[in-house]
């Protein structure tokens, strides 16, 4: 083998040795962000009713929310910087 091949193989093997360091912390950022966004981690253990919407109001809110996906949103006129404005007068 020539020196270039040996150097290339050595570089590739050296790069593989750092992978376990990355794998050990894989997903830590996501788990930390989820924990920071959770107000009360033990909320599922509490069987008491919560303050807020009654069932009828909550159902109506969910129905309206789901209805927003039935039709596409209306097209709005956007002015592009550096482009032309259509429909304008003199």
C-alpha atoms as a PDB file:
ATOM      1  CA  UNK A   1       0.000   0.000   0.000  1.00  0.00           C
ATOM      2  CA  UNK A   2       1.166   3.463  -0.685  1.00  0.00           C
ATOM      3  CA  UNK A   3       1.403   6.188   1.966  1.00  0.00           C
ATOM      4  CA  UNK A   4      -1.751   7.969   0.772  1.00  0.00           C
ATOM      5  CA  UNK A   5      -3.905   4.852   1.171  1.00  0.00           C
ATOM      6  CA  UNK A   6      -2.541   4.193   4.661  1.00  0.00           C
ATOM      7  CA  UNK A   7      -3.151   7.832   5.658  1.00  0.00           C
ATOM      8  CA  UNK A   8      -6.710   7.700   4.288  1.00  0.00           C
ATOM      9  CA  UNK A   9      -7.520   4.479   6.163  1.00  0.00           C
ATOM     10  CA  UNK A  10      -6.058   5.893   9.381  1.00  0.00           C
ATOM     11  CA  UNK A  11      -8.119   9.083   9.016  1.00  0.00           C
ATOM     12  CA  UNK A  12     -11.317   7.116   8.426  1.00  0.00           C
ATOM     13  CA  UNK A  13     -10.708   4.887  11.443  1.00  0.00           C
ATOM     14  CA  UNK A  14      -9.935   7.889  13.638  1.00  0.00           C
ATOM     15  CA  UNK A  15     -13.205   9.555  12.603  1.00  0.00           C
ATOM     16  CA  UNK A  16     -15.212   6.480  13.613  1.00  0.00           C
ATOM     17  CA  UNK A  17     -13.979   6.594  17.190  1.00  0.00           C
ATOM     18  CA  UNK A  18     -15.901   9.825  18.038  1.00  0.00           C
ATOM     19  CA  UNK A  19     -19.324   8.429  17.089  1.00  0.00           C
ATOM     20  CA  UNK A  20     -20.099   6.900  20.526  1.00  0.00           C
ATOM     21  CA  UNK A  21     -19.576  10.339  22.096  1.00  0.00           C
ATOM     22  CA  UNK A  22     -22.262  11.821  19.856  1.00  0.00           C
ATOM     23  CA  UNK A  23     -24.605   8.849  20.233  1.00  0.00           C
ATOM     24  CA  UNK A  24     -24.482   9.024  24.030  1.00  0.00           C
ATOM     25  CA  UNK A  25     -26.070  12.501  23.986  1.00  0.00           C
ATOM     26  CA  UNK A  26     -28.377  11.967  20.994  1.00  0.00           C
ATOM     27  CA  UNK A  27     -31.824  13.417  21.751  1.00  0.00           C
ATOM     28  CA  UNK A  28     -30.779  15.270  24.920  1.00  0.00           C
ATOM     29  CA  UNK A  29     -31.695  18.666  23.442  1.00  0.00           C
ATOM     30  CA  UNK A  30     -35.201  17.492  22.543  1.00  0.00           C
ATOM     31  CA  UNK A  31     -35.780  15.928  25.949  1.00  0.00           C
ATOM     32  CA  UNK A  32     -34.529  19.065  27.707  1.00  0.00           C
ATOM     33  CA  UNK A  33     -36.751  21.334  25.602  1.00  0.00           C
ATOM     34  CA  UNK A  34     -39.795  19.133  26.286  1.00  0.00           C
ATOM     35  CA  UNK A  35     -39.128  19.225  30.041  1.00  0.00           C
ATOM     36  CA  UNK A  36     -38.798  23.027  29.966  1.00  0.00           C
ATOM     37  CA  UNK A  37     -42.130  23.352  28.132  1.00  0.00           C
ATOM     38  CA  UNK A  38     -44.011  21.136  30.586  1.00  0.00           C
ATOM     39  CA  UNK A  39     -45.712  23.236  33.259  1.00  0.00           C
ATOM     40  CA  UNK A  40     -46.817  20.369  35.466  1.00  0.00           C
ATOM     41  CA  UNK A  41     -45.248  16.959  34.741  1.00  0.00           C
ATOM     42  CA  UNK A  42     -47.623  15.238  37.212  1.00  0.00           C
ATOM     43  CA  UNK A  43     -50.826  16.642  35.668  1.00  0.00           C
ATOM     44  CA  UNK A  44     -51.887  13.219  34.360  1.00  0.00           C
ATOM     45  CA  UNK A  45     -51.953  11.801  37.881  1.00  0.00           C
ATOM     46  CA  UNK A  46     -54.549  14.355  39.064  1.00  0.00           C
ATOM     47  CA  UNK A  47     -58.114  13.103  38.463  1.00  0.00           C
ATOM     48  CA  UNK A  48     -59.805  16.335  39.585  1.00  0.00           C
ATOM     49  CA  UNK A  49     -61.612  18.490  37.044  1.00  0.00           C
ATOM     50  CA  UNK A  50     -59.638  21.402  35.721  1.00  0.00           C
ATOM     51  CA  UNK A  51     -60.818  24.973  35.484  1.00  0.00           C
ATOM     52  CA  UNK A  52     -61.461  26.198  31.976  1.00  0.00           C
ATOM     53  CA  UNK A  53     -63.932  25.447  29.206  1.00  0.00           C
ATOM     54  CA  UNK A  54     -66.958  23.285  29.680  1.00  0.00           C
ATOM     55  CA  UNK A  55     -67.427  20.330  27.354  1.00  0.00           C
ATOM     56  CA  UNK A  56     -69.894  22.037  25.011  1.00  0.00           C
ATOM     57  CA  UNK A  57     -67.637  25.065  24.464  1.00  0.00           C
ATOM     58  CA  UNK A  58     -64.567  22.899  23.978  1.00  0.00           C
ATOM     59  CA  UNK A  59     -66.361  20.749  21.389  1.00  0.00           C
ATOM     60  CA  UNK A  60     -67.462  23.858  19.475  1.00  0.00           C
ATOM     61  CA  UNK A  61     -63.923  25.253  19.517  1.00  0.00           C
ATOM     62  CA  UNK A  62     -62.484  21.996  18.144  1.00  0.00           C
ATOM     63  CA  UNK A  63     -65.199  21.823  15.456  1.00  0.00           C
ATOM     64  CA  UNK A  64     -64.451  25.376  14.314  1.00  0.00           C
ATOM     65  CA  UNK A  65     -60.716  24.689  14.340  1.00  0.00           C
ATOM     66  CA  UNK A  66     -61.130  21.579  12.191  1.00  0.00           C
ATOM     67  CA  UNK A  67     -63.412  23.516   9.832  1.00  0.00           C
ATOM     68  CA  UNK A  68     -60.581  25.890   8.986  1.00  0.00           C
ATOM     69  CA  UNK A  69     -58.873  23.073   7.060  1.00  0.00           C
ATOM     70  CA  UNK A  70     -61.859  22.279   4.795  1.00  0.00           C
ATOM     71  CA  UNK A  71     -61.267  25.190   2.412  1.00  0.00           C
ATOM     72  CA  UNK A  72     -57.952  26.744   1.430  1.00  0.00           C
ATOM     73  CA  UNK A  73     -57.224  30.171   2.873  1.00  0.00           C
ATOM     74  CA  UNK A  74     -58.108  33.141   0.657  1.00  0.00           C
ATOM     75  CA  UNK A  75     -55.422  34.365  -1.716  1.00  0.00           C
ATOM     76  CA  UNK A  76     -53.870  37.634  -0.626  1.00  0.00           C
ATOM     77  CA  UNK A  77     -52.121  40.158  -2.846  1.00  0.00           C
ATOM     78  CA  UNK A  78     -48.446  40.250  -1.929  1.00  0.00           C
ATOM     79  CA  UNK A  79     -46.092  42.978  -3.128  1.00  0.00           C
ATOM     80  CA  UNK A  80     -42.704  41.564  -4.044  1.00  0.00           C
ATOM     81  CA  UNK A  81     -39.745  43.820  -3.420  1.00  0.00           C
ATOM     82  CA  UNK A  82     -38.045  44.566  -6.719  1.00  0.00           C
ATOM     83  CA  UNK A  83     -40.993  43.185  -8.697  1.00  0.00           C
ATOM     84  CA  UNK A  84     -43.900  44.881 -10.355  1.00  0.00           C
ATOM     85  CA  UNK A  85     -47.214  45.777  -8.784  1.00  0.00           C
ATOM     86  CA  UNK A  86     -50.156  44.632 -10.874  1.00  0.00           C
ATOM     87  CA  UNK A  87     -53.467  46.436 -11.012  1.00  0.00           C
ATOM     88  CA  UNK A  88     -52.017  49.825 -10.086  1.00  0.00           C
ATOM     89  CA  UNK A  89     -53.112  53.096 -11.670  1.00  0.00           C
ATOM     90  CA  UNK A  90     -50.993  55.861 -13.165  1.00  0.00           C
END
